[in-house]
Protein backbone atom coordinates (compact mmCIF):
# COMPACT_ATOMS: atom_id res chain seq x y z
CA MET A 1 -16.97 -8.30 -4.76
CA THR A 2 -14.19 -10.66 -4.85
CA ALA A 3 -11.25 -10.11 -1.91
CA PRO A 4 -8.06 -8.94 -2.82
CA GLU A 5 -6.58 -11.95 -1.08
CA ALA A 6 -8.84 -14.55 -3.91
CA LEU A 7 -7.01 -12.45 -6.75
CA GLY A 8 -3.41 -13.01 -5.33
CA THR A 9 -3.12 -9.79 -3.74
CA LEU A 10 -1.03 -9.42 -0.51
CA VAL A 11 -2.92 -7.00 2.15
CA VAL A 12 -0.50 -5.14 4.02
CA ASP A 13 -3.07 -3.63 7.11
CA ALA A 14 -0.46 -0.65 8.06
CA ARG A 15 -3.45 0.95 10.12
CA GLY A 16 -2.45 2.75 13.63
CA MET A 17 1.43 2.84 12.02
CA ARG A 18 3.01 6.65 11.66
CA CYS A 19 5.30 6.89 8.59
CA PRO A 20 7.86 5.83 7.72
CA TRP A 21 6.31 2.29 8.61
CA PRO A 22 3.69 2.16 6.15
CA ALA A 23 6.01 2.55 3.64
CA LEU A 24 8.43 0.25 4.90
CA ARG A 25 5.80 -2.32 5.46
CA LEU A 26 5.12 -1.82 1.79
CA ALA A 27 8.85 -2.24 0.45
CA ARG A 28 8.99 -5.22 2.55
CA ALA A 29 5.88 -7.01 0.93
CA MET A 30 7.01 -6.19 -2.79
CA ARG A 31 9.85 -8.08 -2.09
CA GLU A 32 7.30 -11.53 -2.37
CA ALA A 33 4.27 -10.00 -3.89
CA ALA A 34 4.02 -8.56 -7.49
CA ASP A 35 0.67 -7.04 -6.09
CA VAL A 36 -0.08 -5.13 -2.53
CA LEU A 37 -3.03 -4.12 -1.26
CA LEU A 38 -1.53 -1.01 1.42
CA ILE A 39 -4.53 -0.17 3.97
CA ALA A 40 -2.81 2.94 6.00
CA ASP A 41 -4.41 5.99 8.12
CA ASP A 42 -1.50 8.09 8.75
CA PRO A 43 -1.95 11.01 6.32
CA GLN A 44 1.53 11.39 5.25
CA ALA A 45 1.49 7.53 3.76
CA GLY A 46 0.34 8.56 0.60
CA ARG A 47 3.52 10.81 -0.53
CA GLU A 48 5.43 8.32 1.13
CA VAL A 49 4.31 5.46 -0.72
CA ALA A 50 4.20 7.73 -4.14
CA ALA A 51 7.83 8.24 -3.51
CA LEU A 52 9.07 4.98 -3.06
CA ALA A 53 6.67 3.77 -5.86
CA ASP A 54 8.54 6.13 -7.97
CA GLU A 55 11.94 5.21 -6.73
CA HIS A 56 11.30 1.37 -7.76
CA GLY A 57 9.17 1.67 -11.02
CA TRP A 58 6.05 0.39 -9.51
CA LEU A 59 2.28 0.95 -10.48
CA VAL A 60 0.04 2.54 -8.04
CA GLU A 61 -3.64 2.74 -7.80
CA ASP A 62 -5.36 5.22 -5.52
CA GLY A 63 -8.03 3.49 -3.54
CA ALA A 64 -10.90 5.34 -2.11
CA THR A 65 -10.27 6.62 1.32
CA ASP A 66 -12.79 5.61 4.18
CA ALA A 67 -12.97 7.53 7.39
CA GLY A 68 -9.61 8.39 7.36
CA GLU A 69 -7.87 5.70 6.09
CA GLY A 70 -6.20 5.23 2.70
CA ARG A 71 -5.47 2.25 0.44
CA TRP A 72 -2.89 1.75 -2.29
CA ARG A 73 -2.76 -0.88 -5.13
CA VAL A 74 0.65 -1.12 -5.68
CA ARG A 75 2.14 -3.57 -8.54
CA ARG A 76 5.60 -4.48 -10.20
């Protein structure tokens, strides 16, 4: 399996951060990249990511949740 970084995807690891920080880190990353993988373990992160993506017109792909963490691939 190819690592996301090899595909030009910027990885944002927001584990341990509580909302709104994962969404804020995602917004900052989307300024620089068109394809971002956000990893977060805050249960509210999914809603925050969805709202932010809806506001900006970004496409969100929900990834598998693993041991209490979520992964969202966000693209412009």
